[in-house]
Amino acid sequence: MGRLVSFLVALFAAALLFVPPAQAQQAPQAQRAGAATLPTEYRLGSGDAIRISVFQAPEFTLETRITEAGIVTYPLLGSVRLGGQTLTAAEQLIADGLRNGNFIRNPQVTIVLLQVRGNQVNVLGQVNRPGRYPLDVADMRLTDLLALAGGTSAAGADSVVVTGVRDGQPFRAEIDLPALFSPGGGQKDVLILNGDNIWVERQPVAYIYGEVQRPGPMRLEREMTLMQALATGGGLTPRGTEKGIRVHRKGADGALQVIEPKMDDRLRNGDVVYVRESLF
């Protein structure tokens, strides 16, 4: 009886430790997926200002700026290439040099980033604070840079153009901002790299004149129809008529086209709507 009980206990323990093949395959994949989402460490670039210090060795403290060649001149070690290194790798590089040169037996090196100059991007166009912004971390996204620039201005469009270089090839992406906040849209939030340019387009504009209450330019909302444009213009005057409305539109060849639209037809950027006067 005792042997039977021992056998059953061992069998139960083995069942608890057993992981089905499907679950065993999913676990490493989940770990890899989680690892892929971890932020990467900032890499030093030309022009960055740093402070290098060694624990209990104040004579080795140095504040310097990385040269255009990515080099700093450090006491006893001479020229050390830190450009392109992460802060952790740069600390290890200095520590190895001090140890291998028998200057310090077990150096503990710390590097503090004082000013970012090496990794920067341009944010231009219809934003509240256009300018040149540093990449403080290596995984900054388009939304991060737009937030630094104060967001898009009132005249800003829903589309943003990102240009730069990827894998040695010219890169250009046109991003639909509202789509970034739709389900699954986070995957479209472009990773911004050193030297990228972010351009926020101007909001499309249409023009309306003739027998409307408020003639003039108007912000062309997405998929705006002729009827919506008339409503934005305050509607027709008592002398206006919906019959014979004309839309003047520039074609692909640059020639001016005159269109007789329906009320549910969508307007395009630069369209000019003319509302005629009723003859009766």
Protein backbone atom coordinates (compact mmCIF):
# COMPACT_ATOMS: atom_id res chain seq x y z
CA MET A 1 0.00 0.00 0.00
CA GLY A 2 2.86 2.38 0.85
CA ARG A 3 4.50 1.77 -2.53
CA LEU A 4 1.21 2.55 -4.31
CA VAL A 5 0.82 5.84 -2.44
CA SER A 6 4.44 6.82 -3.25
CA PHE A 7 3.86 6.00 -6.93
CA LEU A 8 0.70 8.12 -7.07
CA VAL A 9 2.45 11.07 -5.40
CA ALA A 10 5.35 10.87 -7.89
CA LEU A 11 2.91 10.66 -10.81
CA PHE A 12 0.99 13.73 -9.58
CA ALA A 13 4.23 15.73 -9.19
CA ALA A 14 5.31 14.81 -12.72
CA ALA A 15 1.93 15.99 -14.06
CA LEU A 16 2.40 19.38 -12.39
CA LEU A 17 5.84 19.82 -13.92
CA PHE A 18 4.76 18.75 -17.40
CA VAL A 19 4.27 21.65 -19.84
CA PRO A 20 2.38 20.88 -23.07
CA PRO A 21 4.45 21.44 -26.23
CA ALA A 22 2.18 24.26 -27.42
CA GLN A 23 2.61 26.15 -24.13
CA ALA A 24 6.35 25.47 -24.11
CA GLN A 25 6.62 27.08 -27.52
CA GLN A 26 4.45 30.04 -26.58
CA ALA A 27 6.48 30.94 -23.48
CA PRO A 28 9.75 31.76 -25.28
CA GLN A 29 7.78 33.66 -27.91
CA ALA A 30 6.07 35.71 -25.21
CA GLN A 31 9.46 36.42 -23.62
CA ARG A 32 10.89 37.49 -26.96
CA ALA A 33 7.88 39.70 -27.64
CA GLY A 34 8.24 41.33 -24.23
CA ALA A 35 11.96 41.85 -24.77
CA ALA A 36 11.27 43.54 -28.09
CA THR A 37 9.17 46.20 -26.37
CA LEU A 38 11.89 47.20 -23.90
CA PRO A 39 13.35 50.65 -24.59
CA THR A 40 16.84 50.70 -26.02
CA GLU A 41 19.61 52.76 -24.43
CA TYR A 42 20.67 56.10 -25.81
CA ARG A 43 23.80 56.08 -28.00
CA LEU A 44 26.32 58.89 -27.72
CA GLY A 45 26.76 61.13 -30.74
CA SER A 46 29.01 63.91 -31.99
CA GLY A 47 28.58 67.08 -29.97
CA ASP A 48 27.16 65.41 -26.86
CA ALA A 49 28.51 66.84 -23.60
CA ILE A 50 29.33 64.23 -20.95
CA ARG A 51 30.88 63.93 -17.48
CA ILE A 52 33.15 60.94 -16.82
CA SER A 53 33.93 60.10 -13.21
CA VAL A 54 35.64 57.21 -11.41
CA PHE A 55 34.60 56.18 -7.91
CA GLN A 56 37.13 57.35 -5.29
CA ALA A 57 39.40 58.76 -8.01
CA PRO A 58 38.42 62.44 -8.46
CA GLU A 59 41.57 63.10 -10.51
CA PHE A 60 39.99 61.09 -13.32
CA THR A 61 36.83 63.23 -13.48
CA LEU A 62 36.43 64.88 -16.88
CA GLU A 63 33.75 67.04 -18.48
CA THR A 64 34.12 67.07 -22.23
CA ARG A 65 32.30 67.10 -25.54
CA ILE A 66 32.46 64.30 -28.10
CA THR A 67 34.15 65.46 -31.29
CA GLU A 68 32.75 65.18 -34.80
CA ALA A 69 34.81 62.00 -35.16
CA GLY A 70 33.12 60.53 -32.07
CA ILE A 71 36.30 60.77 -29.94
CA VAL A 72 37.12 62.11 -26.47
CA THR A 73 40.58 62.62 -25.00
CA TYR A 74 40.79 60.99 -21.57
CA PRO A 75 43.65 61.21 -19.05
CA LEU A 76 46.26 58.41 -19.45
CA LEU A 77 44.18 56.70 -22.16
CA GLY A 78 44.45 59.33 -24.87
CA SER A 79 41.85 59.26 -27.67
CA VAL A 80 38.89 57.01 -26.93
CA ARG A 81 36.09 56.50 -29.45
CA LEU A 82 32.78 56.83 -27.61
CA GLY A 83 30.58 57.96 -30.52
CA GLY A 84 27.92 55.38 -31.29
CA GLN A 85 28.35 53.65 -27.91
CA THR A 86 25.64 53.33 -25.30
CA LEU A 87 26.38 54.89 -21.93
CA THR A 88 26.89 51.43 -20.42
CA ALA A 89 29.26 50.37 -23.18
CA ALA A 90 31.19 53.65 -22.93
CA GLU A 91 31.60 53.21 -19.17
CA GLN A 92 32.90 49.69 -19.72
CA LEU A 93 35.30 50.92 -22.41
CA ILE A 94 36.87 53.50 -20.06
CA ALA A 95 36.98 51.00 -17.19
CA ASP A 96 38.73 48.39 -19.35
CA GLY A 97 41.31 50.94 -20.44
CA LEU A 98 42.11 51.96 -16.87
CA ARG A 99 42.27 48.33 -15.72
CA ASN A 100 44.33 47.01 -18.62
CA GLY A 101 46.77 49.91 -18.27
CA ASN A 102 47.26 49.08 -14.58
CA PHE A 103 46.15 52.58 -13.60
CA ILE A 104 43.29 51.45 -11.32
CA ARG A 105 42.78 47.88 -10.16
CA ASN A 106 38.97 47.79 -10.19
CA PRO A 107 37.64 51.05 -11.65
CA GLN A 108 33.96 51.93 -11.30
CA VAL A 109 33.24 54.39 -14.10
CA THR A 110 30.12 56.53 -14.41
CA ILE A 111 29.22 58.65 -17.45
CA VAL A 112 26.50 61.31 -17.18
CA LEU A 113 24.98 62.88 -20.29
CA LEU A 114 25.02 66.64 -19.73
CA GLN A 115 23.75 67.90 -23.07
CA VAL A 116 22.39 66.17 -26.15
CA ARG A 117 23.72 67.49 -29.43
CA GLY A 118 24.59 64.42 -31.44
CA ASN A 119 21.15 62.90 -32.04
CA GLN A 120 18.62 65.48 -33.15
CA VAL A 121 15.67 65.80 -35.51
CA ASN A 122 13.87 68.70 -37.16
CA VAL A 123 10.16 69.26 -36.48
CA LEU A 124 8.77 71.73 -39.00
CA GLY A 125 5.52 72.95 -40.48
CA GLN A 126 2.26 73.47 -38.62
CA VAL A 127 3.33 72.75 -35.03
CA ASN A 128 3.19 75.10 -32.07
CA ARG A 129 6.95 75.05 -31.41
CA PRO A 130 8.88 74.16 -34.57
CA GLY A 131 12.59 73.59 -34.16
CA ARG A 132 15.39 71.11 -33.65
CA TYR A 133 14.85 68.57 -30.87
CA PRO A 134 17.23 66.07 -29.24
CA LEU A 135 16.56 62.34 -29.13
CA ASP A 136 17.00 61.80 -25.39
CA VAL A 137 16.36 58.06 -25.72
CA ALA A 138 16.83 55.68 -28.61
CA ASP A 139 13.20 54.59 -28.98
CA MET A 140 11.43 57.94 -29.44
CA ARG A 141 8.39 57.77 -31.68
CA LEU A 142 6.64 60.28 -33.88
CA THR A 143 4.08 61.11 -31.18
CA ASP A 144 6.91 61.80 -28.70
CA LEU A 145 8.44 64.44 -30.97
CA LEU A 146 5.09 66.04 -31.78
CA ALA A 147 4.43 66.31 -28.05
CA LEU A 148 7.80 68.02 -27.53
CA ALA A 149 6.87 70.47 -30.31
CA GLY A 150 3.62 71.35 -28.54
CA GLY A 151 1.40 69.35 -30.88
CA THR A 152 -0.01 70.43 -34.21
CA SER A 153 -1.29 73.99 -34.53
CA ALA A 154 -4.82 75.02 -35.42
CA ALA A 155 -3.76 75.18 -39.07
CA GLY A 156 -2.17 71.73 -38.96
CA ALA A 157 -3.44 68.87 -41.09
CA ASP A 158 -4.17 65.30 -40.05
CA SER A 159 -1.17 64.02 -42.02
CA VAL A 160 2.54 64.16 -41.14
CA VAL A 161 5.49 63.40 -43.42
CA VAL A 162 8.64 61.80 -41.97
CA THR A 163 11.80 61.75 -44.09
CA GLY A 164 15.27 60.43 -43.36
CA VAL A 165 17.55 57.50 -44.08
CA ARG A 166 16.95 53.82 -43.26
CA ASP A 167 19.56 51.16 -44.00
CA GLY A 168 21.43 53.59 -46.23
CA GLN A 169 18.36 54.29 -48.38
CA PRO A 170 16.18 57.41 -48.53
CA PHE A 171 13.10 57.02 -46.36
CA ARG A 172 9.73 58.78 -46.61
CA ALA A 173 6.50 57.97 -44.80
CA GLU A 174 3.21 59.83 -44.73
CA ILE A 175 1.44 59.18 -41.44
CA ASP A 176 -2.27 59.63 -40.78
CA LEU A 177 -2.40 61.03 -37.25
CA PRO A 178 -5.95 59.98 -36.29
CA ALA A 179 -5.12 56.43 -37.41
CA LEU A 180 -2.39 56.25 -34.75
CA PHE A 181 -5.05 56.30 -32.04
CA SER A 182 -7.37 53.75 -33.60
CA PRO A 183 -7.24 50.10 -32.45
CA GLY A 184 -3.87 48.68 -33.51
CA GLY A 185 -2.70 52.07 -34.72
CA GLY A 186 0.29 52.14 -32.37
CA GLN A 187 2.23 50.00 -34.84
CA LYS A 188 2.15 52.94 -37.27
CA ASP A 189 3.86 55.25 -34.76
CA VAL A 190 7.15 55.61 -36.65
CA LEU A 191 10.46 55.18 -34.81
CA ILE A 192 12.40 58.45 -35.22
CA LEU A 193 16.14 58.28 -35.88
CA ASN A 194 18.97 60.81 -35.81
CA GLY A 195 18.71 63.30 -38.70
CA ASP A 196 15.03 62.69 -39.47
CA ASN A 197 12.77 65.53 -40.58
CA ILE A 198 9.15 65.75 -39.47
CA TRP A 199 6.87 67.94 -41.55
CA VAL A 200 3.28 68.73 -40.53
CA GLU A 201 1.21 69.70 -43.55
CA ARG A 202 -1.13 72.69 -43.60
CA GLN A 203 -4.80 71.86 -43.20
CA PRO A 204 -6.55 71.67 -46.61
CA VAL A 205 -8.66 74.74 -47.42
CA ALA A 206 -11.66 75.32 -49.65
CA TYR A 207 -13.19 78.66 -50.65
CA ILE A 208 -16.80 79.65 -50.98
CA TYR A 209 -18.26 82.83 -52.39
CA GLY A 210 -21.46 84.17 -53.91
CA GLU A 211 -24.81 84.00 -52.19
CA VAL A 212 -23.76 82.53 -48.83
CA GLN A 213 -23.89 84.08 -45.38
CA ARG A 214 -20.16 83.81 -44.63
CA PRO A 215 -18.10 83.74 -47.83
CA GLY A 216 -14.36 83.18 -47.71
CA PRO A 217 -11.86 80.40 -46.96
CA MET A 218 -12.83 77.49 -44.71
CA ARG A 219 -11.03 74.57 -43.13
CA LEU A 220 -11.68 71.52 -45.28
CA GLU A 221 -12.53 68.73 -42.89
CA ARG A 222 -11.90 65.12 -43.84
CA GLU A 223 -14.41 63.87 -46.46
CA MET A 224 -16.29 67.17 -46.32
CA THR A 225 -19.21 67.32 -48.78
CA LEU A 226 -20.64 70.27 -50.65
CA MET A 227 -23.66 70.35 -48.33
CA GLN A 228 -21.39 70.50 -45.28
CA ALA A 229 -19.39 73.30 -46.88
CA LEU A 230 -22.57 75.32 -47.45
CA ALA A 231 -23.53 74.78 -43.82
CA THR A 232 -20.07 75.94 -42.70
CA GLY A 233 -20.59 79.06 -44.78
CA GLY A 234 -23.74 79.82 -42.81
CA GLY A 235 -26.11 78.59 -45.50
CA LEU A 236 -27.52 80.41 -48.49
CA THR A 237 -28.70 84.00 -48.44
CA PRO A 238 -32.37 84.69 -49.27
CA ARG A 239 -31.27 85.29 -52.85
CA GLY A 240 -29.12 82.17 -53.14
CA THR A 241 -30.09 78.96 -54.88
CA GLU A 242 -28.79 75.40 -54.79
CA LYS A 243 -29.30 75.15 -58.53
CA GLY A 244 -26.33 75.92 -60.70
CA ILE A 245 -23.68 75.73 -57.97
CA ARG A 246 -20.24 75.52 -59.55
CA VAL A 247 -16.94 74.18 -58.18
CA HIS A 248 -13.74 75.46 -59.76
CA ARG A 249 -11.02 72.84 -59.35
CA LYS A 250 -7.44 72.62 -60.60
CA GLY A 251 -6.84 69.37 -62.45
CA ALA A 252 -3.77 67.13 -62.38
CA ASP A 253 -2.41 68.95 -65.43
CA GLY A 254 -2.86 72.33 -63.75
CA ALA A 255 -5.79 73.33 -65.93
CA LEU A 256 -8.86 74.83 -64.26
CA GLN A 257 -11.98 72.68 -64.36
CA VAL A 258 -15.57 73.80 -63.74
CA ILE A 259 -17.73 71.11 -62.14
CA GLU A 260 -21.46 70.95 -61.38
CA PRO A 261 -21.39 68.92 -58.15
CA LYS A 262 -24.09 67.08 -56.25
CA MET A 263 -24.77 67.93 -52.63
CA ASP A 264 -23.09 64.73 -51.39
CA ASP A 265 -19.97 65.14 -53.56
CA ARG A 266 -16.75 65.56 -51.59
CA LEU A 267 -14.65 68.67 -51.96
CA ARG A 268 -10.89 68.72 -52.47
CA ASN A 269 -8.10 70.94 -51.25
CA GLY A 270 -8.16 74.28 -53.09
CA ASP A 271 -11.70 73.95 -54.45
CA VAL A 272 -13.61 77.20 -55.01
CA VAL A 273 -17.39 76.95 -54.60
CA TYR A 274 -19.61 79.55 -56.28
CA VAL A 275 -23.27 79.90 -55.25
CA ARG A 276 -25.37 81.69 -57.82
CA GLU A 277 -28.19 84.16 -57.27
CA SER A 278 -31.70 82.92 -57.88
CA LEU A 279 -33.39 84.49 -60.91
CA PHE A 280 -36.82 84.40 -59.26
